[in-house]
Amino acid sequence: MNVNRLMQIPGAECLLPAPADTEISTAFTSDLLSDVMAHAPENSVLITIQAHLNTVAVAFLAGIRAILACSSRPVPADMLEAARKQHIAIYRTSLNQFDASVAVHQLLSAP
C-alpha cells in the first residue's frame, strides 16, 4: 500500500511525507527499539510512542519506510531532520498504539 494512505487513520497528520512512490507491505508495533531491530520487517510502518532521534536510526537500519507516532506525541525537529535525510515518512495520530495498529491493519487489508 502507498504510505500516503496512512492519512486515512483517524486523527492522522503527516509531519514529513515520503517520496510519492513509497510502499509499505506490513506494520510493526513496539516501543522497545531493540525489539524493532530484531523483528521489524522491511518496508513496514513502525507504530510507536517513541518519538526521538534513535527511533529514526533504528527504523533506517531495519528498512522501515514510515513511523507512526501515537498518542499525539510531540515529534522533535532533530527527529524530523534525521527522517528527512533517510527518506522515512513521519506521521502522527491521536490514537493509542493498539487502535492505531488496528487502523493500519484495516488499511493494509483493504483492496
N, C-alpha and C. Protein backbone atom coordinates (compact mmCIF):
# COMPACT_ATOMS: atom_id res chain seq x y z
N MET A 1 0.84 -1.16 0.00
CA MET A 1 0.00 0.00 0.00
C MET A 1 0.89 1.23 0.00
N ASN A 2 0.40 2.27 -0.64
CA ASN A 2 1.15 3.52 -0.64
C ASN A 2 1.12 4.13 0.76
N VAL A 3 2.25 4.60 1.22
CA VAL A 3 2.37 5.12 2.58
C VAL A 3 1.42 6.31 2.82
N ASN A 4 1.05 7.02 1.79
CA ASN A 4 0.16 8.17 1.96
C ASN A 4 -1.23 7.77 2.44
N ARG A 5 -1.60 6.49 2.32
CA ARG A 5 -2.89 6.03 2.83
C ARG A 5 -2.96 6.10 4.35
N LEU A 6 -1.81 6.25 5.01
CA LEU A 6 -1.83 6.40 6.47
C LEU A 6 -2.62 7.64 6.90
N MET A 7 -2.80 8.57 6.00
CA MET A 7 -3.59 9.77 6.30
C MET A 7 -5.06 9.43 6.53
N GLN A 8 -5.49 8.24 6.18
CA GLN A 8 -6.87 7.82 6.40
C GLN A 8 -7.12 7.37 7.84
N ILE A 9 -6.08 7.27 8.63
CA ILE A 9 -6.21 6.89 10.03
C ILE A 9 -6.83 8.06 10.79
N PRO A 10 -7.80 7.79 11.65
CA PRO A 10 -8.41 8.88 12.40
C PRO A 10 -7.38 9.70 13.18
N GLY A 11 -7.49 10.99 13.06
CA GLY A 11 -6.59 11.89 13.78
C GLY A 11 -5.18 11.94 13.22
N ALA A 12 -4.96 11.39 12.03
CA ALA A 12 -3.60 11.34 11.47
C ALA A 12 -3.20 12.68 10.87
N GLU A 13 -1.93 12.96 11.01
CA GLU A 13 -1.34 14.11 10.33
C GLU A 13 0.02 13.70 9.80
N CYS A 14 0.36 14.21 8.64
CA CYS A 14 1.66 13.93 8.04
C CYS A 14 2.63 15.02 8.45
N LEU A 15 3.66 14.65 9.18
CA LEU A 15 4.67 15.61 9.60
C LEU A 15 5.83 15.68 8.62
N LEU A 16 6.06 14.57 7.93
CA LEU A 16 7.13 14.51 6.94
C LEU A 16 6.73 13.49 5.88
N PRO A 17 6.38 13.94 4.69
CA PRO A 17 5.95 12.99 3.66
C PRO A 17 7.12 12.18 3.12
N ALA A 18 6.80 11.02 2.63
CA ALA A 18 7.78 10.16 1.95
C ALA A 18 7.71 10.46 0.46
N PRO A 19 8.70 10.00 -0.30
CA PRO A 19 8.56 10.08 -1.76
C PRO A 19 7.24 9.45 -2.19
N ALA A 20 6.62 9.99 -3.22
CA ALA A 20 5.27 9.60 -3.64
C ALA A 20 5.13 8.10 -3.92
N ASP A 21 6.19 7.43 -4.32
CA ASP A 21 6.10 6.02 -4.68
C ASP A 21 6.45 5.07 -3.52
N THR A 22 6.52 5.58 -2.30
CA THR A 22 6.89 4.75 -1.16
C THR A 22 5.76 3.80 -0.79
N GLU A 23 6.08 2.52 -0.75
CA GLU A 23 5.10 1.47 -0.44
C GLU A 23 5.47 0.80 0.88
N ILE A 24 4.43 0.45 1.65
CA ILE A 24 4.62 -0.37 2.84
C ILE A 24 3.79 -1.63 2.66
N SER A 25 4.32 -2.73 3.16
CA SER A 25 3.63 -4.01 2.99
C SER A 25 3.12 -4.59 4.30
N THR A 26 3.55 -4.01 5.41
CA THR A 26 3.15 -4.53 6.72
C THR A 26 3.41 -3.46 7.77
N ALA A 27 3.12 -3.79 9.00
CA ALA A 27 3.33 -2.87 10.11
C ALA A 27 3.97 -3.62 11.27
N PHE A 28 4.60 -2.85 12.16
CA PHE A 28 5.20 -3.43 13.35
C PHE A 28 4.95 -2.46 14.49
N THR A 29 4.42 -2.96 15.60
CA THR A 29 4.10 -2.12 16.75
C THR A 29 5.00 -2.49 17.91
N SER A 30 5.76 -1.51 18.38
CA SER A 30 6.62 -1.73 19.53
C SER A 30 7.15 -0.40 20.03
N ASP A 31 7.40 -0.35 21.33
CA ASP A 31 8.06 0.82 21.93
C ASP A 31 9.46 0.47 22.41
N LEU A 32 9.87 -0.76 22.15
CA LEU A 32 11.19 -1.23 22.54
C LEU A 32 12.07 -1.28 21.29
N LEU A 33 13.01 -0.37 21.18
CA LEU A 33 13.78 -0.25 19.94
C LEU A 33 14.63 -1.49 19.66
N SER A 34 15.08 -2.19 20.67
CA SER A 34 15.83 -3.43 20.41
C SER A 34 14.92 -4.48 19.78
N ASP A 35 13.66 -4.49 20.14
CA ASP A 35 12.68 -5.39 19.54
C ASP A 35 12.46 -5.03 18.07
N VAL A 36 12.41 -3.75 17.80
CA VAL A 36 12.26 -3.27 16.42
C VAL A 36 13.45 -3.76 15.59
N MET A 37 14.65 -3.58 16.10
CA MET A 37 15.85 -4.01 15.38
C MET A 37 15.83 -5.51 15.10
N ALA A 38 15.37 -6.28 16.05
CA ALA A 38 15.41 -7.74 15.92
C ALA A 38 14.27 -8.31 15.08
N HIS A 39 13.11 -7.63 15.06
CA HIS A 39 11.93 -8.29 14.50
C HIS A 39 11.15 -7.51 13.45
N ALA A 40 11.35 -6.23 13.31
CA ALA A 40 10.53 -5.45 12.38
C ALA A 40 10.87 -5.81 10.93
N PRO A 41 9.86 -6.08 10.12
CA PRO A 41 10.12 -6.40 8.72
C PRO A 41 10.43 -5.14 7.91
N GLU A 42 11.17 -5.35 6.84
CA GLU A 42 11.46 -4.25 5.92
C GLU A 42 10.16 -3.77 5.27
N ASN A 43 10.20 -2.55 4.76
CA ASN A 43 9.06 -1.95 4.06
C ASN A 43 7.81 -1.90 4.92
N SER A 44 8.01 -1.61 6.19
CA SER A 44 6.87 -1.55 7.11
C SER A 44 6.72 -0.14 7.66
N VAL A 45 5.63 0.05 8.41
CA VAL A 45 5.43 1.25 9.19
C VAL A 45 5.61 0.85 10.65
N LEU A 46 6.37 1.63 11.38
CA LEU A 46 6.58 1.41 12.80
C LEU A 46 5.54 2.22 13.56
N ILE A 47 4.76 1.54 14.38
CA ILE A 47 3.72 2.16 15.20
C ILE A 47 4.25 2.20 16.62
N THR A 48 4.42 3.41 17.17
CA THR A 48 5.13 3.55 18.44
C THR A 48 4.82 4.88 19.13
N ILE A 49 5.21 4.98 20.39
CA ILE A 49 5.18 6.28 21.06
C ILE A 49 6.60 6.85 21.18
N GLN A 50 7.58 6.10 20.71
CA GLN A 50 8.98 6.55 20.76
C GLN A 50 9.23 7.60 19.68
N ALA A 51 9.20 8.84 20.07
CA ALA A 51 9.38 9.94 19.12
C ALA A 51 10.67 10.69 19.46
N HIS A 52 11.77 10.12 18.99
CA HIS A 52 13.07 10.77 19.20
C HIS A 52 14.05 10.28 18.13
N LEU A 53 15.21 10.85 18.13
CA LEU A 53 16.22 10.61 17.11
C LEU A 53 16.59 9.13 16.95
N ASN A 54 16.70 8.41 18.06
CA ASN A 54 17.09 7.00 17.99
C ASN A 54 16.07 6.15 17.25
N THR A 55 14.81 6.56 17.29
CA THR A 55 13.77 5.82 16.57
C THR A 55 14.04 5.83 15.08
N VAL A 56 14.47 6.96 14.57
CA VAL A 56 14.79 7.07 13.14
C VAL A 56 16.00 6.21 12.80
N ALA A 57 17.01 6.23 13.64
CA ALA A 57 18.20 5.43 13.37
C ALA A 57 17.85 3.94 13.30
N VAL A 58 17.06 3.47 14.24
CA VAL A 58 16.65 2.06 14.25
C VAL A 58 15.77 1.76 13.04
N ALA A 59 14.84 2.66 12.72
CA ALA A 59 13.97 2.46 11.56
C ALA A 59 14.79 2.34 10.28
N PHE A 60 15.76 3.19 10.13
CA PHE A 60 16.61 3.15 8.93
C PHE A 60 17.34 1.81 8.84
N LEU A 61 17.93 1.37 9.93
CA LEU A 61 18.68 0.10 9.93
C LEU A 61 17.77 -1.09 9.65
N ALA A 62 16.51 -1.00 10.08
CA ALA A 62 15.57 -2.10 9.89
C ALA A 62 14.86 -2.05 8.53
N GLY A 63 15.06 -0.99 7.78
CA GLY A 63 14.40 -0.88 6.47
C GLY A 63 12.95 -0.43 6.55
N ILE A 64 12.60 0.23 7.65
CA ILE A 64 11.25 0.74 7.85
C ILE A 64 11.07 2.00 7.00
N ARG A 65 9.90 2.14 6.40
CA ARG A 65 9.63 3.25 5.48
C ARG A 65 8.89 4.42 6.11
N ALA A 66 8.20 4.15 7.25
CA ALA A 66 7.43 5.22 7.89
C ALA A 66 7.33 4.94 9.38
N ILE A 67 7.20 6.01 10.14
CA ILE A 67 6.99 5.94 11.58
C ILE A 67 5.66 6.62 11.88
N LEU A 68 4.81 5.94 12.64
CA LEU A 68 3.54 6.50 13.08
C LEU A 68 3.63 6.72 14.58
N ALA A 69 3.77 7.97 14.97
CA ALA A 69 3.86 8.34 16.39
C ALA A 69 2.43 8.42 16.95
N CYS A 70 2.19 7.68 18.01
CA CYS A 70 0.84 7.58 18.57
C CYS A 70 0.66 8.51 19.77
N SER A 71 -0.60 8.62 20.20
CA SER A 71 -0.98 9.39 21.38
C SER A 71 -0.56 10.85 21.29
N SER A 72 -0.56 11.37 20.07
CA SER A 72 -0.22 12.79 19.82
C SER A 72 1.14 13.19 20.39
N ARG A 73 2.09 12.25 20.36
CA ARG A 73 3.42 12.54 20.90
C ARG A 73 4.07 13.68 20.14
N PRO A 74 4.72 14.59 20.83
CA PRO A 74 5.47 15.64 20.13
C PRO A 74 6.65 15.01 19.39
N VAL A 75 6.88 15.47 18.18
CA VAL A 75 7.99 14.98 17.37
C VAL A 75 9.01 16.10 17.24
N PRO A 76 10.21 15.91 17.80
CA PRO A 76 11.20 16.98 17.80
C PRO A 76 11.79 17.23 16.41
N ALA A 77 12.30 18.43 16.24
CA ALA A 77 12.87 18.85 14.95
C ALA A 77 14.03 17.96 14.53
N ASP A 78 14.88 17.52 15.47
CA ASP A 78 16.02 16.68 15.08
C ASP A 78 15.56 15.32 14.55
N MET A 79 14.44 14.82 15.05
CA MET A 79 13.89 13.56 14.53
C MET A 79 13.39 13.76 13.11
N LEU A 80 12.69 14.85 12.87
CA LEU A 80 12.19 15.14 11.53
C LEU A 80 13.35 15.32 10.54
N GLU A 81 14.38 16.00 10.95
CA GLU A 81 15.54 16.22 10.07
C GLU A 81 16.24 14.90 9.74
N ALA A 82 16.43 14.05 10.74
CA ALA A 82 17.06 12.75 10.51
C ALA A 82 16.20 11.90 9.58
N ALA A 83 14.90 11.91 9.79
CA ALA A 83 13.99 11.13 8.93
C ALA A 83 14.01 11.66 7.50
N ARG A 84 14.08 12.96 7.35
CA ARG A 84 14.16 13.55 6.01
C ARG A 84 15.39 13.04 5.27
N LYS A 85 16.52 13.02 5.96
CA LYS A 85 17.77 12.56 5.35
C LYS A 85 17.71 11.08 4.98
N GLN A 86 16.95 10.29 5.73
CA GLN A 86 16.87 8.84 5.49
C GLN A 86 15.65 8.46 4.65
N HIS A 87 14.87 9.44 4.21
CA HIS A 87 13.67 9.20 3.39
C HIS A 87 12.65 8.33 4.12
N ILE A 88 12.46 8.62 5.40
CA ILE A 88 11.47 7.92 6.22
C ILE A 88 10.35 8.90 6.52
N ALA A 89 9.13 8.51 6.19
CA ALA A 89 7.97 9.38 6.45
C ALA A 89 7.64 9.37 7.94
N ILE A 90 7.14 10.50 8.42
CA ILE A 90 6.72 10.61 9.81
C ILE A 90 5.25 11.05 9.83
N TYR A 91 4.44 10.25 10.50
CA TYR A 91 3.03 10.55 10.71
C TYR A 91 2.77 10.55 12.21
N ARG A 92 1.70 11.23 12.58
CA ARG A 92 1.30 11.24 14.00
C ARG A 92 -0.21 11.08 14.05
N THR A 93 -0.67 10.41 15.11
CA THR A 93 -2.10 10.24 15.34
C THR A 93 -2.41 10.40 16.82
N SER A 94 -3.63 10.77 17.09
CA SER A 94 -4.07 10.86 18.49
C SER A 94 -4.41 9.49 19.06
N LEU A 95 -4.53 8.48 18.19
CA LEU A 95 -4.86 7.12 18.65
C LEU A 95 -3.71 6.52 19.47
N ASN A 96 -4.05 5.61 20.38
CA ASN A 96 -3.01 4.87 21.09
C ASN A 96 -2.45 3.79 20.16
N GLN A 97 -1.44 3.06 20.61
CA GLN A 97 -0.78 2.08 19.74
C GLN A 97 -1.72 0.96 19.31
N PHE A 98 -2.58 0.50 20.20
CA PHE A 98 -3.50 -0.57 19.84
C PHE A 98 -4.45 -0.11 18.74
N ASP A 99 -5.12 0.99 18.97
CA ASP A 99 -6.10 1.47 18.00
C ASP A 99 -5.43 1.86 16.68
N ALA A 100 -4.23 2.42 16.74
CA ALA A 100 -3.50 2.74 15.51
C ALA A 100 -3.13 1.46 14.76
N SER A 101 -2.75 0.43 15.49
CA SER A 101 -2.40 -0.85 14.85
C SER A 101 -3.60 -1.45 14.15
N VAL A 102 -4.76 -1.39 14.78
CA VAL A 102 -5.98 -1.89 14.16
C VAL A 102 -6.28 -1.10 12.89
N ALA A 103 -6.16 0.22 12.96
CA ALA A 103 -6.44 1.08 11.80
C ALA A 103 -5.49 0.78 10.65
N VAL A 104 -4.21 0.60 10.95
CA VAL A 104 -3.23 0.28 9.90
C VAL A 104 -3.53 -1.10 9.31
N HIS A 105 -3.85 -2.05 10.16
CA HIS A 105 -4.21 -3.40 9.67
C HIS A 105 -5.39 -3.33 8.70
N GLN A 106 -6.39 -2.55 9.04
CA GLN A 106 -7.55 -2.41 8.16
C GLN A 106 -7.16 -1.80 6.82
N LEU A 107 -6.28 -0.81 6.84
CA LEU A 107 -5.81 -0.21 5.58
C LEU A 107 -5.02 -1.22 4.75
N LEU A 108 -4.15 -1.97 5.40
CA LEU A 108 -3.34 -2.96 4.69
C LEU A 108 -4.19 -4.10 4.13
N SER A 109 -5.30 -4.38 4.77
CA SER A 109 -6.17 -5.49 4.34
C SER A 109 -7.19 -5.07 3.29
N ALA A 110 -7.38 -3.79 3.12
CA ALA A 110 -8.38 -3.30 2.16
C ALA A 110 -7.85 -3.46 0.73
N PRO A 111 -8.76 -3.71 -0.21
CA PRO A 111 -8.34 -3.86 -1.61
C PRO A 111 -7.82 -2.55 -2.20
